[in-house]
Amino acid sequence: MGYGYPLKIPFTFGSVPLAGYVYDRTGSYDAALLIFIAAFLAAALAVGVLRSLAGEARDQRHAEPDEAYSPSSRVGTRFTLACAQTSC
């Protein structure tokens, strides 16, 4: 929420004057409500697309683990070293 908050401020402060302007021009808040619904749906769609793209990028990064840093190779190495130092 921290980095996104400055992006929300103009929309938060701009929504009331926009609704007033639309009411003055049309005599109804219906068009303003439709504009706000469309903006909300566009934002929800953008969040969904960005999350799916981030998930795909994360999956691609973790698709081929590096053997030198994989948890199983480290555990095996520690166990082997521990057994070499003691009489396993």
C-alpha atoms as a PDB file:
ATOM      1  CA  MET A   1       0.000   0.000   0.000  1.00  0.00           C
ATOM      2  CA  GLY A   2       2.898   2.357   0.664  1.00  0.00           C
ATOM      3  CA  TYR A   3       4.074   2.919  -2.900  1.00  0.00           C
ATOM      4  CA  GLY A   4       0.591   2.839  -4.397  1.00  0.00           C
ATOM      5  CA  TYR A   5      -0.890   5.487  -2.127  1.00  0.00           C
ATOM      6  CA  PRO A   6       0.588   8.500  -3.980  1.00  0.00           C
ATOM      7  CA  LEU A   7      -0.971   7.144  -7.165  1.00  0.00           C
ATOM      8  CA  LYS A   8      -4.420   7.051  -5.533  1.00  0.00           C
ATOM      9  CA  ILE A   9      -4.391  10.626  -4.235  1.00  0.00           C
ATOM     10  CA  PRO A  10      -5.155  12.403  -7.547  1.00  0.00           C
ATOM     11  CA  PHE A  11      -8.022  10.012  -8.247  1.00  0.00           C
ATOM     12  CA  THR A  12      -9.403  10.394  -4.739  1.00  0.00           C
ATOM     13  CA  PHE A  13      -9.391  14.186  -4.859  1.00  0.00           C
ATOM     14  CA  GLY A  14     -10.428  14.323  -8.504  1.00  0.00           C
ATOM     15  CA  SER A  15     -13.482  12.091  -8.216  1.00  0.00           C
ATOM     16  CA  VAL A  16     -15.698  14.594  -6.401  1.00  0.00           C
ATOM     17  CA  PRO A  17     -15.130  17.458  -8.853  1.00  0.00           C
ATOM     18  CA  LEU A  18     -15.611  15.032 -11.750  1.00  0.00           C
ATOM     19  CA  ALA A  19     -18.940  13.873 -10.340  1.00  0.00           C
ATOM     20  CA  GLY A  20     -19.997  17.503  -9.819  1.00  0.00           C
ATOM     21  CA  TYR A  21     -18.996  18.422 -13.365  1.00  0.00           C
ATOM     22  CA  VAL A  22     -20.894  15.478 -14.810  1.00  0.00           C
ATOM     23  CA  TYR A  23     -23.956  16.394 -12.726  1.00  0.00           C
ATOM     24  CA  ASP A  24     -23.789  20.017 -13.892  1.00  0.00           C
ATOM     25  CA  ARG A  25     -23.564  18.947 -17.536  1.00  0.00           C
ATOM     26  CA  THR A  26     -26.153  16.159 -17.500  1.00  0.00           C
ATOM     27  CA  GLY A  27     -28.365  16.834 -14.472  1.00  0.00           C
ATOM     28  CA  SER A  28     -27.788  13.311 -13.193  1.00  0.00           C
ATOM     29  CA  TYR A  29     -25.091  11.330 -11.402  1.00  0.00           C
ATOM     30  CA  ASP A  30     -25.694   8.272 -13.579  1.00  0.00           C
ATOM     31  CA  ALA A  31     -22.850   9.025 -16.013  1.00  0.00           C
ATOM     32  CA  ALA A  32     -20.428   9.701 -13.146  1.00  0.00           C
ATOM     33  CA  LEU A  33     -21.389   6.401 -11.545  1.00  0.00           C
ATOM     34  CA  LEU A  34     -20.786   4.583 -14.827  1.00  0.00           C
ATOM     35  CA  ILE A  35     -17.376   6.265 -15.164  1.00  0.00           C
ATOM     36  CA  PHE A  36     -16.415   5.163 -11.647  1.00  0.00           C
ATOM     37  CA  ILE A  37     -17.600   1.598 -12.273  1.00  0.00           C
ATOM     38  CA  ALA A  38     -15.606   1.443 -15.517  1.00  0.00           C
ATOM     39  CA  ALA A  39     -12.490   2.781 -13.769  1.00  0.00           C
ATOM     40  CA  PHE A  40     -12.896   0.228 -10.966  1.00  0.00           C
ATOM     41  CA  LEU A  41     -13.289  -2.648 -13.439  1.00  0.00           C
ATOM     42  CA  ALA A  42     -10.262  -1.471 -15.439  1.00  0.00           C
ATOM     43  CA  ALA A  43      -8.170  -1.314 -12.256  1.00  0.00           C
ATOM     44  CA  ALA A  44      -9.323  -4.789 -11.182  1.00  0.00           C
ATOM     45  CA  LEU A  45      -8.459  -6.175 -14.615  1.00  0.00           C
ATOM     46  CA  ALA A  46      -5.026  -4.512 -14.518  1.00  0.00           C
ATOM     47  CA  VAL A  47      -4.288  -5.977 -11.076  1.00  0.00           C
ATOM     48  CA  GLY A  48      -5.319  -9.437 -12.263  1.00  0.00           C
ATOM     49  CA  VAL A  49      -3.146  -9.245 -15.379  1.00  0.00           C
ATOM     50  CA  LEU A  50      -0.142  -7.908 -13.472  1.00  0.00           C
ATOM     51  CA  ARG A  51      -0.450 -10.597 -10.790  1.00  0.00           C
ATOM     52  CA  SER A  52      -0.637 -13.365 -13.373  1.00  0.00           C
ATOM     53  CA  LEU A  53       2.409 -11.961 -15.190  1.00  0.00           C
ATOM     54  CA  ALA A  54       4.310 -11.755 -11.917  1.00  0.00           C
ATOM     55  CA  GLY A  55       3.332 -15.344 -11.098  1.00  0.00           C
ATOM     56  CA  GLU A  56       4.555 -16.563 -14.498  1.00  0.00           C
ATOM     57  CA  ALA A  57       7.863 -14.751 -14.039  1.00  0.00           C
ATOM     58  CA  ARG A  58       8.243 -16.256 -10.567  1.00  0.00           C
ATOM     59  CA  ASP A  59       7.478 -19.741 -11.909  1.00  0.00           C
ATOM     60  CA  GLN A  60      10.072 -19.340 -14.659  1.00  0.00           C
ATOM     61  CA  ARG A  61      12.727 -18.252 -12.153  1.00  0.00           C
ATOM     62  CA  HIS A  62      12.102 -21.310 -10.001  1.00  0.00           C
ATOM     63  CA  ALA A  63      11.607 -23.821 -12.828  1.00  0.00           C
ATOM     64  CA  GLU A  64      15.247 -24.952 -12.908  1.00  0.00           C
ATOM     65  CA  PRO A  65      16.817 -24.779  -9.458  1.00  0.00           C
ATOM     66  CA  ASP A  66      20.555 -24.362  -9.297  1.00  0.00           C
ATOM     67  CA  GLU A  67      22.082 -27.532  -7.845  1.00  0.00           C
ATOM     68  CA  ALA A  68      24.684 -25.602  -5.892  1.00  0.00           C
ATOM     69  CA  TYR A  69      21.949 -23.759  -3.988  1.00  0.00           C
ATOM     70  CA  SER A  70      19.153 -26.306  -3.816  1.00  0.00           C
ATOM     71  CA  PRO A  71      18.125 -27.309  -0.289  1.00  0.00           C
ATOM     72  CA  SER A  72      18.531 -31.020  -0.972  1.00  0.00           C
ATOM     73  CA  SER A  73      22.154 -30.680  -2.099  1.00  0.00           C
ATOM     74  CA  ARG A  74      23.019 -28.589   0.953  1.00  0.00           C
ATOM     75  CA  VAL A  75      21.445 -31.077   3.346  1.00  0.00           C
ATOM     76  CA  GLY A  76      23.252 -33.951   1.664  1.00  0.00           C
ATOM     77  CA  THR A  77      26.557 -32.101   1.825  1.00  0.00           C
ATOM     78  CA  ARG A  78      26.104 -31.279   5.497  1.00  0.00           C
ATOM     79  CA  PHE A  79      25.170 -34.868   6.268  1.00  0.00           C
ATOM     80  CA  THR A  80      28.199 -36.160   4.345  1.00  0.00           C
ATOM     81  CA  LEU A  81      30.508 -33.706   6.100  1.00  0.00           C
ATOM     82  CA  ALA A  82      29.010 -34.559   9.476  1.00  0.00           C
ATOM     83  CA  CYS A  83      29.483 -38.280   8.845  1.00  0.00           C
ATOM     84  CA  ALA A  84      33.045 -37.737   7.655  1.00  0.00           C
ATOM     85  CA  GLN A  85      33.913 -35.933  10.902  1.00  0.00           C
ATOM     86  CA  THR A  86      32.275 -38.569  13.099  1.00  0.00           C
ATOM     87  CA  SER A  87      31.963 -42.317  12.787  1.00  0.00           C
ATOM     88  CA  CYS A  88      28.581 -42.722  11.030  1.00  0.00           C
END
